[in-house]
Amino acid sequence: GGEVGNSVTTDNTKRYRISSKDSLSG
């Protein structure tokens, strides 16, 4: 339900760094 718009969030906001990959057959 969060809305942050374009503002920079506070330092307390939890972040996830995009790096991990996995493969799928398809």
mmCIF file of all heavy atoms, coordinates in Angstrom:
data_MODEL
# 
_entry.id   MODEL 
# 
loop_
_atom_site.group_PDB 
_atom_site.id 
_atom_site.type_symbol 
_atom_site.label_atom_id 
_atom_site.label_alt_id 
_atom_site.label_comp_id 
_atom_site.label_asym_id 
_atom_site.label_entity_id 
_atom_site.label_seq_id 
_atom_site.pdbx_PDB_ins_code 
_atom_site.Cartn_x 
_atom_site.Cartn_y 
_atom_site.Cartn_z 
_atom_site.occupancy 
_atom_site.B_iso_or_equiv 
_atom_site.pdbx_formal_charge 
_atom_site.auth_seq_id 
_atom_site.auth_comp_id 
_atom_site.auth_asym_id 
_atom_site.auth_atom_id 
_atom_site.pdbx_PDB_model_num 
ATOM 1   N N   . GLY A 1 1  ? 0.809  -1.225  0.000   1.00 0.00 ? 1  GLY A N   1 
ATOM 2   C CA  . GLY A 1 1  ? 0.000  0.000   0.000   1.00 0.00 ? 1  GLY A CA  1 
ATOM 3   C C   . GLY A 1 1  ? 0.829  1.255   0.000   1.00 0.00 ? 1  GLY A C   1 
ATOM 4   O O   . GLY A 1 1  ? 0.306  2.347   0.182   1.00 0.00 ? 1  GLY A O   1 
ATOM 5   N N   . GLY A 1 2  ? 2.136  1.131   -0.213  1.00 0.00 ? 2  GLY A N   1 
ATOM 6   C CA  . GLY A 1 2  ? 3.024  2.287   -0.116  1.00 0.00 ? 2  GLY A CA  1 
ATOM 7   C C   . GLY A 1 2  ? 2.978  3.182   -1.327  1.00 0.00 ? 2  GLY A C   1 
ATOM 8   O O   . GLY A 1 2  ? 2.734  2.754   -2.441  1.00 0.00 ? 2  GLY A O   1 
ATOM 9   N N   . GLU A 1 3  ? 3.169  4.493   -1.107  1.00 0.00 ? 3  GLU A N   1 
ATOM 10  C CA  . GLU A 1 3  ? 3.264  5.470   -2.192  1.00 0.00 ? 3  GLU A CA  1 
ATOM 11  C C   . GLU A 1 3  ? 4.426  6.392   -1.845  1.00 0.00 ? 3  GLU A C   1 
ATOM 12  O O   . GLU A 1 3  ? 4.441  7.020   -0.797  1.00 0.00 ? 3  GLU A O   1 
ATOM 13  C CB  . GLU A 1 3  ? 1.968  6.292   -2.307  1.00 0.00 ? 3  GLU A CB  1 
ATOM 14  C CG  . GLU A 1 3  ? 0.737  5.485   -2.700  1.00 0.00 ? 3  GLU A CG  1 
ATOM 15  C CD  . GLU A 1 3  ? 0.686  5.162   -4.171  1.00 0.00 ? 3  GLU A CD  1 
ATOM 16  O OE1 . GLU A 1 3  ? 1.535  5.683   -4.927  1.00 0.00 ? 3  GLU A OE1 1 
ATOM 17  O OE2 . GLU A 1 3  ? -0.195 4.398   -4.579  1.00 0.00 ? 3  GLU A OE2 1 
ATOM 18  N N   . VAL A 1 4  ? 5.414  6.421   -2.748  1.00 0.00 ? 4  VAL A N   1 
ATOM 19  C CA  . VAL A 1 4  ? 6.569  7.272   -2.439  1.00 0.00 ? 4  VAL A CA  1 
ATOM 20  C C   . VAL A 1 4  ? 6.764  8.393   -3.443  1.00 0.00 ? 4  VAL A C   1 
ATOM 21  O O   . VAL A 1 4  ? 7.546  9.306   -3.227  1.00 0.00 ? 4  VAL A O   1 
ATOM 22  C CB  . VAL A 1 4  ? 7.860  6.427   -2.364  1.00 0.00 ? 4  VAL A CB  1 
ATOM 23  C CG1 . VAL A 1 4  ? 7.757  5.410   -1.259  1.00 0.00 ? 4  VAL A CG1 1 
ATOM 24  C CG2 . VAL A 1 4  ? 8.154  5.767   -3.694  1.00 0.00 ? 4  VAL A CG2 1 
ATOM 25  N N   . GLY A 1 5  ? 6.071  8.317   -4.561  1.00 0.00 ? 5  GLY A N   1 
ATOM 26  C CA  . GLY A 1 5  ? 6.230  9.358   -5.574  1.00 0.00 ? 5  GLY A CA  1 
ATOM 27  C C   . GLY A 1 5  ? 7.660  9.421   -6.061  1.00 0.00 ? 5  GLY A C   1 
ATOM 28  O O   . GLY A 1 5  ? 8.295  8.411   -6.272  1.00 0.00 ? 5  GLY A O   1 
ATOM 29  N N   . ASN A 1 6  ? 8.185  10.672  -6.244  1.00 0.00 ? 6  ASN A N   1 
ATOM 30  C CA  . ASN A 1 6  ? 9.562  10.837  -6.714  1.00 0.00 ? 6  ASN A CA  1 
ATOM 31  C C   . ASN A 1 6  ? 10.508 11.277  -5.599  1.00 0.00 ? 6  ASN A C   1 
ATOM 32  O O   . ASN A 1 6  ? 11.650 11.630  -5.852  1.00 0.00 ? 6  ASN A O   1 
ATOM 33  C CB  . ASN A 1 6  ? 9.610  11.878  -7.842  1.00 0.00 ? 6  ASN A CB  1 
ATOM 34  C CG  . ASN A 1 6  ? 8.972  11.339  -9.115  1.00 0.00 ? 6  ASN A CG  1 
ATOM 35  O OD1 . ASN A 1 6  ? 9.055  10.153  -9.372  1.00 0.00 ? 6  ASN A OD1 1 
ATOM 36  N ND2 . ASN A 1 6  ? 8.349  12.225  -9.882  1.00 0.00 ? 6  ASN A ND2 1 
ATOM 37  N N   . SER A 1 7  ? 10.031 11.297  -4.389  1.00 0.00 ? 7  SER A N   1 
ATOM 38  C CA  . SER A 1 7  ? 10.877 11.764  -3.303  1.00 0.00 ? 7  SER A CA  1 
ATOM 39  C C   . SER A 1 7  ? 11.827 10.672  -2.861  1.00 0.00 ? 7  SER A C   1 
ATOM 40  O O   . SER A 1 7  ? 11.527 9.490   -2.930  1.00 0.00 ? 7  SER A O   1 
ATOM 41  C CB  . SER A 1 7  ? 10.006 12.191  -2.122  1.00 0.00 ? 7  SER A CB  1 
ATOM 42  O OG  . SER A 1 7  ? 9.257  11.082  -1.658  1.00 0.00 ? 7  SER A OG  1 
ATOM 43  N N   . VAL A 1 8  ? 12.959 11.084  -2.400  1.00 0.00 ? 8  VAL A N   1 
ATOM 44  C CA  . VAL A 1 8  ? 13.953 10.161  -1.878  1.00 0.00 ? 8  VAL A CA  1 
ATOM 45  C C   . VAL A 1 8  ? 13.516 9.733   -0.495  1.00 0.00 ? 8  VAL A C   1 
ATOM 46  O O   . VAL A 1 8  ? 13.159 10.550  0.347   1.00 0.00 ? 8  VAL A O   1 
ATOM 47  C CB  . VAL A 1 8  ? 15.331 10.831  -1.820  1.00 0.00 ? 8  VAL A CB  1 
ATOM 48  C CG1 . VAL A 1 8  ? 16.354 9.867   -1.251  1.00 0.00 ? 8  VAL A CG1 1 
ATOM 49  C CG2 . VAL A 1 8  ? 15.741 11.303  -3.205  1.00 0.00 ? 8  VAL A CG2 1 
ATOM 50  N N   . THR A 1 9  ? 13.550 8.453   -0.232  1.00 0.00 ? 9  THR A N   1 
ATOM 51  C CA  . THR A 1 9  ? 13.068 7.927   1.034   1.00 0.00 ? 9  THR A CA  1 
ATOM 52  C C   . THR A 1 9  ? 14.111 8.095   2.125   1.00 0.00 ? 9  THR A C   1 
ATOM 53  O O   . THR A 1 9  ? 15.254 8.443   1.876   1.00 0.00 ? 9  THR A O   1 
ATOM 54  C CB  . THR A 1 9  ? 12.731 6.438   0.886   1.00 0.00 ? 9  THR A CB  1 
ATOM 55  O OG1 . THR A 1 9  ? 13.877 5.744   0.420   1.00 0.00 ? 9  THR A OG1 1 
ATOM 56  C CG2 . THR A 1 9  ? 11.607 6.251   -0.121  1.00 0.00 ? 9  THR A CG2 1 
ATOM 57  N N   . THR A 1 10 ? 13.672 7.835   3.336   1.00 0.00 ? 10 THR A N   1 
ATOM 58  C CA  . THR A 1 10 ? 14.551 7.991   4.489   1.00 0.00 ? 10 THR A CA  1 
ATOM 59  C C   . THR A 1 10 ? 15.556 6.861   4.548   1.00 0.00 ? 10 THR A C   1 
ATOM 60  O O   . THR A 1 10 ? 15.447 5.837   3.870   1.00 0.00 ? 10 THR A O   1 
ATOM 61  C CB  . THR A 1 10 ? 13.734 7.994   5.791   1.00 0.00 ? 10 THR A CB  1 
ATOM 62  O OG1 . THR A 1 10 ? 13.138 6.699   5.948   1.00 0.00 ? 10 THR A OG1 1 
ATOM 63  C CG2 . THR A 1 10 ? 12.641 9.041   5.711   1.00 0.00 ? 10 THR A CG2 1 
ATOM 64  N N   . ASP A 1 11 ? 16.541 7.055   5.420   1.00 0.00 ? 11 ASP A N   1 
ATOM 65  C CA  . ASP A 1 11 ? 17.597 6.049   5.574   1.00 0.00 ? 11 ASP A CA  1 
ATOM 66  C C   . ASP A 1 11 ? 17.073 4.767   6.205   1.00 0.00 ? 11 ASP A C   1 
ATOM 67  O O   . ASP A 1 11 ? 17.736 3.736   6.172   1.00 0.00 ? 11 ASP A O   1 
ATOM 68  C CB  . ASP A 1 11 ? 18.742 6.623   6.431   1.00 0.00 ? 11 ASP A CB  1 
ATOM 69  C CG  . ASP A 1 11 ? 19.463 7.742   5.702   1.00 0.00 ? 11 ASP A CG  1 
ATOM 70  O OD1 . ASP A 1 11 ? 19.384 7.760   4.444   1.00 0.00 ? 11 ASP A OD1 1 
ATOM 71  O OD2 . ASP A 1 11 ? 20.084 8.568   6.377   1.00 0.00 ? 11 ASP A OD2 1 
ATOM 72  N N   . ASN A 1 12 ? 15.884 4.876   6.838   1.00 0.00 ? 12 ASN A N   1 
ATOM 73  C CA  . ASN A 1 12 ? 15.334 3.679   7.485   1.00 0.00 ? 12 ASN A CA  1 
ATOM 74  C C   . ASN A 1 12 ? 14.625 2.740   6.514   1.00 0.00 ? 12 ASN A C   1 
ATOM 75  O O   . ASN A 1 12 ? 14.235 1.635   6.893   1.00 0.00 ? 12 ASN A O   1 
ATOM 76  C CB  . ASN A 1 12 ? 14.344 4.097   8.577   1.00 0.00 ? 12 ASN A CB  1 
ATOM 77  C CG  . ASN A 1 12 ? 15.043 4.836   9.705   1.00 0.00 ? 12 ASN A CG  1 
ATOM 78  O OD1 . ASN A 1 12 ? 16.204 4.537   10.018  1.00 0.00 ? 12 ASN A OD1 1 
ATOM 79  N ND2 . ASN A 1 12 ? 14.363 5.791   10.307  1.00 0.00 ? 12 ASN A ND2 1 
ATOM 80  N N   . THR A 1 13 ? 14.459 3.198   5.271   1.00 0.00 ? 13 THR A N   1 
ATOM 81  C CA  . THR A 1 13 ? 13.781 2.340   4.287   1.00 0.00 ? 13 THR A CA  1 
ATOM 82  C C   . THR A 1 13 ? 14.662 1.149   3.926   1.00 0.00 ? 13 THR A C   1 
ATOM 83  O O   . THR A 1 13 ? 15.853 1.294   3.636   1.00 0.00 ? 13 THR A O   1 
ATOM 84  C CB  . THR A 1 13 ? 13.465 3.142   3.012   1.00 0.00 ? 13 THR A CB  1 
ATOM 85  O OG1 . THR A 1 13 ? 12.678 4.279   3.361   1.00 0.00 ? 13 THR A OG1 1 
ATOM 86  C CG2 . THR A 1 13 ? 12.718 2.279   2.013   1.00 0.00 ? 13 THR A CG2 1 
ATOM 87  N N   . LYS A 1 14 ? 14.041 -0.021  3.898   1.00 0.00 ? 14 LYS A N   1 
ATOM 88  C CA  . LYS A 1 14 ? 14.783 -1.247  3.572   1.00 0.00 ? 14 LYS A CA  1 
ATOM 89  C C   . LYS A 1 14 ? 15.001 -1.324  2.071   1.00 0.00 ? 14 LYS A C   1 
ATOM 90  O O   . LYS A 1 14 ? 14.092 -1.085  1.282   1.00 0.00 ? 14 LYS A O   1 
ATOM 91  C CB  . LYS A 1 14 ? 14.001 -2.468  4.072   1.00 0.00 ? 14 LYS A CB  1 
ATOM 92  C CG  . LYS A 1 14 ? 14.769 -3.767  4.020   1.00 0.00 ? 14 LYS A CG  1 
ATOM 93  C CD  . LYS A 1 14 ? 13.945 -4.892  4.623   1.00 0.00 ? 14 LYS A CD  1 
ATOM 94  C CE  . LYS A 1 14 ? 14.715 -6.209  4.557   1.00 0.00 ? 14 LYS A CE  1 
ATOM 95  N NZ  . LYS A 1 14 ? 13.920 -7.331  5.131   1.00 0.00 ? 14 LYS A NZ  1 
ATOM 96  N N   . ARG A 1 15 ? 16.240 -1.652  1.666   1.00 0.00 ? 15 ARG A N   1 
ATOM 97  C CA  . ARG A 1 15 ? 16.608 -1.687  0.259   1.00 0.00 ? 15 ARG A CA  1 
ATOM 98  C C   . ARG A 1 15 ? 17.113 -3.085  -0.133  1.00 0.00 ? 15 ARG A C   1 
ATOM 99  O O   . ARG A 1 15 ? 17.667 -3.801  0.691   1.00 0.00 ? 15 ARG A O   1 
ATOM 100 C CB  . ARG A 1 15 ? 17.699 -0.657  -0.050  1.00 0.00 ? 15 ARG A CB  1 
ATOM 101 C CG  . ARG A 1 15 ? 17.232 0.784   0.039   1.00 0.00 ? 15 ARG A CG  1 
ATOM 102 C CD  . ARG A 1 15 ? 18.434 1.705   -0.039  1.00 0.00 ? 15 ARG A CD  1 
ATOM 103 N NE  . ARG A 1 15 ? 18.038 3.100   -0.183  1.00 0.00 ? 15 ARG A NE  1 
ATOM 104 C CZ  . ARG A 1 15 ? 17.685 3.867   0.809   1.00 0.00 ? 15 ARG A CZ  1 
ATOM 105 N NH1 . ARG A 1 15 ? 17.663 3.385   2.058   1.00 0.00 ? 15 ARG A NH1 1 
ATOM 106 N NH2 . ARG A 1 15 ? 17.342 5.130   0.593   1.00 0.00 ? 15 ARG A NH2 1 
ATOM 107 N N   . TYR A 1 16 ? 16.928 -3.398  -1.406  1.00 0.00 ? 16 TYR A N   1 
ATOM 108 C CA  . TYR A 1 16 ? 17.464 -4.657  -1.950  1.00 0.00 ? 16 TYR A CA  1 
ATOM 109 C C   . TYR A 1 16 ? 18.261 -4.328  -3.204  1.00 0.00 ? 16 TYR A C   1 
ATOM 110 O O   . TYR A 1 16 ? 17.745 -3.711  -4.139  1.00 0.00 ? 16 TYR A O   1 
ATOM 111 C CB  . TYR A 1 16 ? 16.341 -5.636  -2.289  1.00 0.00 ? 16 TYR A CB  1 
ATOM 112 C CG  . TYR A 1 16 ? 16.815 -6.884  -3.002  1.00 0.00 ? 16 TYR A CG  1 
ATOM 113 C CD1 . TYR A 1 16 ? 17.395 -7.931  -2.282  1.00 0.00 ? 16 TYR A CD1 1 
ATOM 114 C CD2 . TYR A 1 16 ? 16.687 -7.019  -4.386  1.00 0.00 ? 16 TYR A CD2 1 
ATOM 115 C CE1 . TYR A 1 16 ? 17.842 -9.081  -2.936  1.00 0.00 ? 16 TYR A CE1 1 
ATOM 116 C CE2 . TYR A 1 16 ? 17.134 -8.163  -5.040  1.00 0.00 ? 16 TYR A CE2 1 
ATOM 117 C CZ  . TYR A 1 16 ? 17.712 -9.191  -4.312  1.00 0.00 ? 16 TYR A CZ  1 
ATOM 118 O OH  . TYR A 1 16 ? 18.162 -10.324 -4.949  1.00 0.00 ? 16 TYR A OH  1 
ATOM 119 N N   . ARG A 1 17 ? 19.512 -4.762  -3.245  1.00 0.00 ? 17 ARG A N   1 
ATOM 120 C CA  . ARG A 1 17 ? 20.379 -4.487  -4.396  1.00 0.00 ? 17 ARG A CA  1 
ATOM 121 C C   . ARG A 1 17 ? 20.156 -5.550  -5.467  1.00 0.00 ? 17 ARG A C   1 
ATOM 122 O O   . ARG A 1 17 ? 20.256 -6.749  -5.222  1.00 0.00 ? 17 ARG A O   1 
ATOM 123 C CB  . ARG A 1 17 ? 21.842 -4.483  -3.964  1.00 0.00 ? 17 ARG A CB  1 
ATOM 124 C CG  . ARG A 1 17 ? 22.808 -4.042  -5.062  1.00 0.00 ? 17 ARG A CG  1 
ATOM 125 C CD  . ARG A 1 17 ? 24.222 -3.933  -4.504  1.00 0.00 ? 17 ARG A CD  1 
ATOM 126 N NE  . ARG A 1 17 ? 25.148 -3.444  -5.510  1.00 0.00 ? 17 ARG A NE  1 
ATOM 127 C CZ  . ARG A 1 17 ? 25.810 -4.225  -6.360  1.00 0.00 ? 17 ARG A CZ  1 
ATOM 128 N NH1 . ARG A 1 17 ? 25.649 -5.540  -6.301  1.00 0.00 ? 17 ARG A NH1 1 
ATOM 129 N NH2 . ARG A 1 17 ? 26.651 -3.693  -7.240  1.00 0.00 ? 17 ARG A NH2 1 
ATOM 130 N N   . ILE A 1 18 ? 19.862 -5.106  -6.686  1.00 0.00 ? 18 ILE A N   1 
ATOM 131 C CA  . ILE A 1 18 ? 19.596 -6.020  -7.793  1.00 0.00 ? 18 ILE A CA  1 
ATOM 132 C C   . ILE A 1 18 ? 20.906 -6.642  -8.261  1.00 0.00 ? 18 ILE A C   1 
ATOM 133 O O   . ILE A 1 18 ? 21.785 -5.948  -8.786  1.00 0.00 ? 18 ILE A O   1 
ATOM 134 C CB  . ILE A 1 18 ? 18.925 -5.284  -8.975  1.00 0.00 ? 18 ILE A CB  1 
ATOM 135 C CG1 . ILE A 1 18 ? 17.626 -4.628  -8.518  1.00 0.00 ? 18 ILE A CG1 1 
ATOM 136 C CG2 . ILE A 1 18 ? 18.684 -6.232  -10.134 1.00 0.00 ? 18 ILE A CG2 1 
ATOM 137 C CD1 . ILE A 1 18 ? 17.013 -3.736  -9.580  1.00 0.00 ? 18 ILE A CD1 1 
ATOM 138 N N   . SER A 1 19 ? 21.044 -7.958  -8.061  1.00 0.00 ? 19 SER A N   1 
ATOM 139 C CA  . SER A 1 19 ? 22.278 -8.630  -8.479  1.00 0.00 ? 19 SER A CA  1 
ATOM 140 C C   . SER A 1 19 ? 22.066 -10.135 -8.723  1.00 0.00 ? 19 SER A C   1 
ATOM 141 O O   . SER A 1 19 ? 22.633 -10.696 -9.657  1.00 0.00 ? 19 SER A O   1 
ATOM 142 C CB  . SER A 1 19 ? 23.380 -8.445  -7.430  1.00 0.00 ? 19 SER A CB  1 
ATOM 143 O OG  . SER A 1 19 ? 22.963 -8.976  -6.177  1.00 0.00 ? 19 SER A OG  1 
ATOM 144 N N   . SER A 1 20 ? 21.263 -10.774 -7.889  1.00 0.00 ? 20 SER A N   1 
ATOM 145 C CA  . SER A 1 20 ? 21.100 -12.231 -7.977  1.00 0.00 ? 20 SER A CA  1 
ATOM 146 C C   . SER A 1 20 ? 20.295 -12.626 -9.213  1.00 0.00 ? 20 SER A C   1 
ATOM 147 O O   . SER A 1 20 ? 19.289 -11.992 -9.534  1.00 0.00 ? 20 SER A O   1 
ATOM 148 C CB  . SER A 1 20 ? 20.411 -12.764 -6.719  1.00 0.00 ? 20 SER A CB  1 
ATOM 149 O OG  . SER A 1 20 ? 21.194 -12.506 -5.575  1.00 0.00 ? 20 SER A OG  1 
ATOM 150 N N   . LYS A 1 21 ? 20.751 -13.703 -9.860  1.00 0.00 ? 21 LYS A N   1 
ATOM 151 C CA  . LYS A 1 21 ? 20.070 -14.211 -11.045 1.00 0.00 ? 21 LYS A CA  1 
ATOM 152 C C   . LYS A 1 21 ? 19.800 -15.707 -10.891 1.00 0.00 ? 21 LYS A C   1 
ATOM 153 O O   . LYS A 1 21 ? 20.465 -16.408 -10.137 1.00 0.00 ? 21 LYS A O   1 
ATOM 154 C CB  . LYS A 1 21 ? 20.916 -13.988 -12.305 1.00 0.00 ? 21 LYS A CB  1 
ATOM 155 C CG  . LYS A 1 21 ? 21.107 -12.542 -12.695 1.00 0.00 ? 21 LYS A CG  1 
ATOM 156 C CD  . LYS A 1 21 ? 21.955 -12.446 -13.960 1.00 0.00 ? 21 LYS A CD  1 
ATOM 157 C CE  . LYS A 1 21 ? 22.184 -10.999 -14.358 1.00 0.00 ? 21 LYS A CE  1 
ATOM 158 N NZ  . LYS A 1 21 ? 23.021 -10.890 -15.593 1.00 0.00 ? 21 LYS A NZ  1 
ATOM 159 N N   . ASP A 1 22 ? 18.821 -16.152 -11.625 1.00 0.00 ? 22 ASP A N   1 
ATOM 160 C CA  . ASP A 1 22 ? 18.528 -17.585 -11.722 1.00 0.00 ? 22 ASP A CA  1 
ATOM 161 C C   . ASP A 1 22 ? 17.983 -17.847 -13.115 1.00 0.00 ? 22 ASP A C   1 
ATOM 162 O O   . ASP A 1 22 ? 17.484 -16.934 -13.785 1.00 0.00 ? 22 ASP A O   1 
ATOM 163 C CB  . ASP A 1 22 ? 17.521 -18.022 -10.654 1.00 0.00 ? 22 ASP A CB  1 
ATOM 164 C CG  . ASP A 1 22 ? 17.485 -19.537 -10.492 1.00 0.00 ? 22 ASP A CG  1 
ATOM 165 O OD1 . ASP A 1 22 ? 18.360 -20.220 -11.070 1.00 0.00 ? 22 ASP A OD1 1 
ATOM 166 O OD2 . ASP A 1 22 ? 16.584 -20.039 -9.801  1.00 0.00 ? 22 ASP A OD2 1 
ATOM 167 N N   . SER A 1 23 ? 18.091 -19.081 -13.566 1.00 0.00 ? 23 SER A N   1 
ATOM 168 C CA  . SER A 1 23 ? 17.656 -19.413 -14.928 1.00 0.00 ? 23 SER A CA  1 
ATOM 169 C C   . SER A 1 23 ? 16.357 -20.200 -14.912 1.00 0.00 ? 23 SER A C   1 
ATOM 170 O O   . SER A 1 23 ? 16.044 -20.901 -13.947 1.00 0.00 ? 23 SER A O   1 
ATOM 171 C CB  . SER A 1 23 ? 18.739 -20.210 -15.655 1.00 0.00 ? 23 SER A CB  1 
ATOM 172 O OG  . SER A 1 23 ? 18.998 -21.423 -14.965 1.00 0.00 ? 23 SER A OG  1 
ATOM 173 N N   . LEU A 1 24 ? 15.603 -20.077 -16.002 1.00 0.00 ? 24 LEU A N   1 
ATOM 174 C CA  . LEU A 1 24 ? 14.371 -20.828 -16.203 1.00 0.00 ? 24 LEU A CA  1 
ATOM 175 C C   . LEU A 1 24 ? 14.409 -21.486 -17.577 1.00 0.00 ? 24 LEU A C   1 
ATOM 176 O O   . LEU A 1 24 ? 14.929 -20.908 -18.537 1.00 0.00 ? 24 LEU A O   1 
ATOM 177 C CB  . LEU A 1 24 ? 13.142 -19.912 -16.133 1.00 0.00 ? 24 LEU A CB  1 
ATOM 178 C CG  . LEU A 1 24 ? 12.780 -19.288 -14.790 1.00 0.00 ? 24 LEU A CG  1 
ATOM 179 C CD1 . LEU A 1 24 ? 11.619 -18.321 -14.977 1.00 0.00 ? 24 LEU A CD1 1 
ATOM 180 C CD2 . LEU A 1 24 ? 12.417 -20.366 -13.780 1.00 0.00 ? 24 LEU A CD2 1 
ATOM 181 N N   . SER A 1 25 ? 13.862 -22.692 -17.657 1.00 0.00 ? 25 SER A N   1 
ATOM 182 C CA  . SER A 1 25 ? 13.660 -23.338 -18.954 1.00 0.00 ? 25 SER A CA  1 
ATOM 183 C C   . SER A 1 25 ? 12.296 -22.921 -19.478 1.00 0.00 ? 25 SER A C   1 
ATOM 184 O O   . SER A 1 25 ? 11.326 -22.824 -18.724 1.00 0.00 ? 25 SER A O   1 
ATOM 185 C CB  . SER A 1 25 ? 13.714 -24.861 -18.815 1.00 0.00 ? 25 SER A CB  1 
ATOM 186 O OG  . SER A 1 25 ? 15.006 -25.283 -18.435 1.00 0.00 ? 25 SER A OG  1 
ATOM 187 N N   . GLY A 1 26 ? 12.230 -22.656 -20.774 1.00 0.00 ? 26 GLY A N   1 
ATOM 188 C CA  . GLY A 1 26 ? 10.964 -22.216 -21.334 1.00 0.00 ? 26 GLY A CA  1 
ATOM 189 C C   . GLY A 1 26 ? 10.950 -22.261 -22.848 1.00 0.00 ? 26 GLY A C   1 
ATOM 190 O O   . GLY A 1 26 ? 11.883 -22.775 -23.486 1.00 0.00 ? 26 GLY A O   1 
# 
